[in-house]
Amino acid sequence: MTDTPRPNRPAPPAIVLVRPQLGENIGKAARAMLNFGLTDMRLVAPRDGWPNPSAGPAASGADVVLERAQVFDTVAEAVGDCAHVYATTVRKRGVTKPVLTPEAAAKEWIGANGGSAILFGPERSGLETEDLALARAIVTVPINPEFGSLNLAQAVILTAYEWSKHDASLAQPTRVEDEPPAPQEELEGLIAHLDGLLEERGYFNPVDRAPATRRMLRTLLTQPGWNSGQVRSMRGVLSRLERRPIESD
């Protein structure tokens, strides 16, 4: 069972876990998949069989992925309906194939006709040479050569995230457009309003410091780039202050 493309959404790739060892890791991979809109999980000869009771709690609610997961005996069977197969690995193991970053690979997945599959190897040893032979390209990431170990869920989330950048159906963070700056006329009205209020209350004493104080206030009120709504709010504050009686010294 493959994901059904929705309007404005290219066909999602299948995530193929080859000989996964721990149910917890399968569950975490399912969680990573669903975070980025993928639900087509395929398991090749899971070590502890399937279903695995440890997978559900680790999936943290990504049950739909686990429920749809298909089990195969071989990698060839798992990717039999896919025209484009990619293998994730850090070590190339002598296999001469194109090597892509997840970002570059995702750009190919979105335009692929015939379906795509991404292979992930066992937690301890990774994909075997025979597994890599089925792939058209290798997907890997620049990684610390002194510590190149990624766990299964991390590897899945790296590739799923790159896929998600091209999936218009996924929710994007809401961007609040900034209002344009207020016209200078409105700012001058605010400055004059504040100046008059402060003048009444003797704020500009001593008189010889008044010009510098006024310049400081003007800089303060113009520097942030107030928009019209902010200017109106501040004028409202000042109007409220005007209602209070002026205290005599």
Protein backbone atom coordinates (compact mmCIF):
# COMPACT_ATOMS: atom_id res chain seq x y z
CA MET A 1 0.00 0.00 0.00
CA THR A 2 1.47 3.34 -1.03
CA ASP A 3 0.53 6.84 -0.06
CA THR A 4 -2.04 8.44 -2.34
CA PRO A 5 -0.79 11.73 -3.80
CA ARG A 6 -3.00 14.70 -2.92
CA PRO A 7 -3.41 17.82 -5.03
CA ASN A 8 -0.12 19.74 -5.19
CA ARG A 9 1.65 16.79 -3.61
CA PRO A 10 4.11 14.56 -5.46
CA ALA A 11 4.04 10.81 -4.80
CA PRO A 12 5.67 10.23 -1.39
CA PRO A 13 8.57 7.77 -1.21
CA ALA A 14 8.37 4.47 0.64
CA ILE A 15 10.58 4.06 3.71
CA VAL A 16 12.11 0.57 3.66
CA LEU A 17 13.69 -0.68 6.88
CA VAL A 18 15.95 -3.58 6.00
CA ARG A 19 16.31 -6.23 8.72
CA PRO A 20 15.52 -3.81 11.58
CA GLN A 21 16.52 -5.19 14.96
CA LEU A 22 14.55 -3.40 17.68
CA GLY A 23 10.84 -2.70 17.81
CA GLU A 24 11.56 0.59 19.57
CA ASN A 25 13.58 1.79 16.59
CA ILE A 26 10.81 0.83 14.19
CA GLY A 27 8.39 2.85 16.29
CA LYS A 28 10.70 5.86 16.41
CA ALA A 29 11.16 5.68 12.65
CA ALA A 30 7.38 5.63 12.24
CA ARG A 31 7.12 8.73 14.39
CA ALA A 32 9.76 10.48 12.28
CA MET A 33 7.92 9.52 9.11
CA LEU A 34 4.54 10.81 10.22
CA ASN A 35 6.05 14.09 11.43
CA PHE A 36 6.85 14.82 7.80
CA GLY A 37 3.81 13.30 6.12
CA LEU A 38 5.08 9.83 5.18
CA THR A 39 3.10 6.67 5.97
CA ASP A 40 4.40 4.00 3.59
CA MET A 41 6.66 1.88 5.81
CA ARG A 42 8.02 -1.42 4.52
CA LEU A 43 9.87 -3.90 6.72
CA VAL A 44 12.27 -6.48 5.32
CA ALA A 45 12.77 -9.50 7.57
CA PRO A 46 12.52 -7.73 10.95
CA ARG A 47 14.67 -9.64 13.43
CA ASP A 48 11.98 -9.99 16.11
CA GLY A 49 9.06 -10.51 13.74
CA TRP A 50 6.06 -8.32 13.18
CA PRO A 51 3.97 -6.90 14.78
CA ASN A 52 6.32 -5.97 17.59
CA PRO A 53 4.80 -4.84 20.92
CA SER A 54 7.70 -2.46 21.55
CA ALA A 55 7.02 -0.43 18.42
CA GLY A 56 3.71 1.13 19.47
CA PRO A 57 4.87 3.03 22.58
CA ALA A 58 7.97 4.29 20.77
CA ALA A 59 5.84 5.58 17.88
CA SER A 60 4.18 8.09 20.24
CA GLY A 61 0.89 8.12 18.36
CA ALA A 62 2.12 7.35 14.84
CA ASP A 63 -0.02 4.21 14.89
CA VAL A 64 -1.28 4.69 11.35
CA VAL A 65 2.23 4.09 10.04
CA LEU A 66 2.64 0.89 12.02
CA GLU A 67 -0.82 -0.36 11.08
CA ARG A 68 -0.08 0.08 7.38
CA ALA A 69 3.43 -1.35 7.56
CA GLN A 70 4.06 -4.19 5.11
CA VAL A 71 6.48 -7.04 5.71
CA PHE A 72 8.66 -8.63 3.00
CA ASP A 73 11.20 -11.42 2.96
CA THR A 74 13.67 -9.67 0.66
CA VAL A 75 14.64 -6.16 -0.36
CA ALA A 76 13.83 -6.95 -3.99
CA GLU A 77 10.26 -7.81 -3.04
CA ALA A 78 9.90 -4.69 -0.91
CA VAL A 79 10.87 -2.36 -3.75
CA GLY A 80 9.32 -4.37 -6.57
CA ASP A 81 6.78 -1.65 -7.44
CA CYS A 82 9.29 1.21 -7.26
CA ALA A 83 11.18 2.49 -10.27
CA HIS A 84 13.64 4.54 -8.23
CA VAL A 85 15.48 3.04 -5.28
CA TYR A 86 17.91 4.90 -3.03
CA ALA A 87 20.12 3.44 -0.30
CA THR A 88 21.21 5.35 2.79
CA THR A 89 24.68 4.60 4.05
CA VAL A 90 27.79 6.28 5.38
CA ARG A 91 30.17 3.65 4.02
CA LYS A 92 30.15 3.12 0.25
CA ARG A 93 31.72 -0.35 0.52
CA GLY A 94 33.21 -0.30 -2.95
CA VAL A 95 29.88 0.22 -4.73
CA THR A 96 30.21 2.69 -7.61
CA LYS A 97 26.99 4.66 -7.70
CA PRO A 98 25.99 8.32 -7.66
CA VAL A 99 26.21 9.78 -4.16
CA LEU A 100 23.60 12.37 -3.18
CA THR A 101 22.77 14.39 -0.12
CA PRO A 102 19.21 13.96 1.22
CA GLU A 103 18.41 17.40 -0.20
CA ALA A 104 19.54 16.48 -3.71
CA ALA A 105 17.83 13.11 -3.52
CA ALA A 106 14.52 14.69 -2.44
CA LYS A 107 14.53 16.83 -5.57
CA GLU A 108 14.66 13.62 -7.60
CA TRP A 109 11.91 11.96 -5.59
CA ILE A 110 9.44 14.75 -6.30
CA GLY A 111 9.82 14.35 -10.05
CA ALA A 112 10.08 10.56 -10.17
CA ASN A 113 7.54 8.62 -12.18
CA GLY A 114 6.95 5.08 -10.99
CA GLY A 115 7.48 5.57 -7.28
CA SER A 116 10.56 5.89 -5.08
CA ALA A 117 11.88 3.87 -2.15
CA ILE A 118 14.58 4.68 0.38
CA LEU A 119 16.48 1.82 2.01
CA PHE A 120 17.71 1.98 5.62
CA GLY A 121 19.92 -0.76 6.98
CA PRO A 122 20.02 -2.64 10.29
CA GLU A 123 20.99 -0.58 13.31
CA ARG A 124 24.26 -2.33 14.00
CA SER A 125 25.76 -3.00 10.58
CA GLY A 126 23.88 -0.98 7.97
CA LEU A 127 23.04 -2.16 4.47
CA GLU A 128 24.96 -5.01 2.88
CA THR A 129 26.59 -4.78 -0.54
CA GLU A 130 23.79 -6.90 -1.99
CA ASP A 131 21.25 -4.38 -0.71
CA LEU A 132 23.15 -1.46 -2.18
CA ALA A 133 23.27 -3.20 -5.53
CA LEU A 134 19.51 -2.72 -5.89
CA ALA A 135 19.75 1.05 -5.53
CA ARG A 136 20.27 3.59 -8.30
CA ALA A 137 22.02 6.02 -5.96
CA ILE A 138 23.52 6.35 -2.50
CA VAL A 139 22.13 8.92 -0.06
CA THR A 140 24.46 10.13 2.65
CA VAL A 141 25.15 13.22 4.71
CA PRO A 142 28.32 15.14 5.55
CA ILE A 143 29.15 13.78 8.97
CA ASN A 144 31.91 13.81 11.54
CA PRO A 145 34.46 11.23 10.32
CA GLU A 146 35.40 10.56 13.94
CA PHE A 147 31.81 9.73 14.87
CA GLY A 148 29.69 8.78 11.87
CA SER A 149 27.02 6.79 13.69
CA LEU A 150 23.38 7.77 13.15
CA ASN A 151 20.58 5.78 14.72
CA LEU A 152 17.74 4.55 12.54
CA ALA A 153 15.23 7.23 13.46
CA GLN A 154 17.81 9.98 12.93
CA ALA A 155 18.57 8.72 9.44
CA VAL A 156 14.86 8.53 8.61
CA ILE A 157 14.14 12.01 9.93
CA LEU A 158 16.97 13.56 7.90
CA THR A 159 15.58 12.24 4.64
CA ALA A 160 11.91 12.75 5.57
CA TYR A 161 12.59 16.37 6.43
CA GLU A 162 14.14 17.05 3.04
CA TRP A 163 11.11 15.45 1.42
CA SER A 164 8.77 17.64 3.48
CA LYS A 165 10.23 20.81 1.96
CA HIS A 166 8.55 19.88 -1.31
CA ASP A 167 5.21 18.77 0.15
CA ALA A 168 2.82 21.70 -0.12
CA SER A 169 0.18 19.85 1.89
CA LEU A 170 2.18 20.05 5.12
CA ALA A 171 1.49 22.90 7.51
CA GLN A 172 4.03 25.69 7.37
CA PRO A 173 4.80 28.08 10.25
CA THR A 174 2.46 31.04 10.12
CA ARG A 175 4.24 34.18 9.05
CA VAL A 176 2.85 37.45 10.30
CA GLU A 177 3.55 40.18 7.81
CA ASP A 178 4.89 43.35 9.38
CA GLU A 179 2.76 46.44 8.97
CA PRO A 180 4.42 49.23 7.01
CA PRO A 181 6.06 52.01 9.01
CA ALA A 182 3.81 54.87 10.00
CA PRO A 183 3.95 58.06 7.89
CA GLN A 184 6.22 60.74 9.31
CA GLU A 185 3.17 62.94 9.89
CA GLU A 186 1.80 60.41 12.40
CA LEU A 187 5.13 60.15 14.18
CA GLU A 188 5.36 63.93 14.42
CA GLY A 189 1.89 63.97 15.96
CA LEU A 190 2.96 61.40 18.55
CA ILE A 191 6.15 63.30 19.35
CA ALA A 192 4.28 66.59 19.71
CA HIS A 193 1.66 64.94 21.89
CA LEU A 194 4.31 63.49 24.22
CA ASP A 195 6.32 66.71 24.20
CA GLY A 196 3.32 68.78 25.22
CA LEU A 197 2.39 66.40 28.00
CA LEU A 198 5.91 66.35 29.38
CA GLU A 199 6.24 70.12 29.07
CA GLU A 200 3.15 70.61 31.23
CA ARG A 201 4.66 68.42 33.92
CA GLY A 202 8.05 70.10 33.95
CA TYR A 203 9.91 67.15 32.49
CA PHE A 204 12.25 69.37 30.48
CA ASN A 205 13.80 71.13 33.46
CA PRO A 206 16.52 72.31 33.59
CA VAL A 207 15.86 74.31 30.43
CA ASP A 208 19.42 74.09 29.14
CA ARG A 209 19.06 70.28 28.85
CA ALA A 210 15.71 70.45 27.05
CA PRO A 211 17.08 70.26 23.45
CA ALA A 212 19.18 67.16 24.20
CA THR A 213 16.26 65.52 26.01
CA ARG A 214 13.92 66.19 23.11
CA ARG A 215 16.45 64.75 20.64
CA MET A 216 16.74 61.63 22.77
CA LEU A 217 12.96 61.17 22.83
CA ARG A 218 12.68 61.75 19.07
CA THR A 219 15.39 59.14 18.46
CA LEU A 220 13.59 56.71 20.75
CA LEU A 221 10.25 57.15 18.99
CA THR A 222 11.57 56.99 15.44
CA GLN A 223 14.26 54.34 15.76
CA PRO A 224 11.99 51.24 16.09
CA GLY A 225 10.01 52.03 12.92
CA TRP A 226 6.61 52.31 14.59
CA ASN A 227 3.64 51.30 12.48
CA SER A 228 0.34 53.19 12.49
CA GLY A 229 -1.32 50.83 14.97
CA GLN A 230 1.52 51.26 17.45
CA VAL A 231 1.38 55.03 17.09
CA ARG A 232 -2.38 54.99 17.78
CA SER A 233 -1.85 52.81 20.84
CA MET A 234 0.77 55.14 22.25
CA ARG A 235 -1.42 58.17 21.58
CA GLY A 236 -4.14 56.41 23.53
CA VAL A 237 -1.76 55.95 26.46
CA LEU A 238 -0.84 59.60 26.39
CA SER A 239 -4.48 60.67 26.19
CA ARG A 240 -5.21 58.61 29.27
CA LEU A 241 -2.33 60.30 31.11
CA GLU A 242 -3.65 63.73 30.11
CA ARG A 243 -6.79 63.12 32.13
CA ARG A 244 -4.84 63.09 35.38
CA PRO A 245 -4.52 66.48 37.13
CA ILE A 246 -1.17 68.20 36.96
CA GLU A 247 0.53 68.05 40.32
CA SER A 248 2.04 71.31 41.51
CA ASP A 249 5.50 71.38 43.04
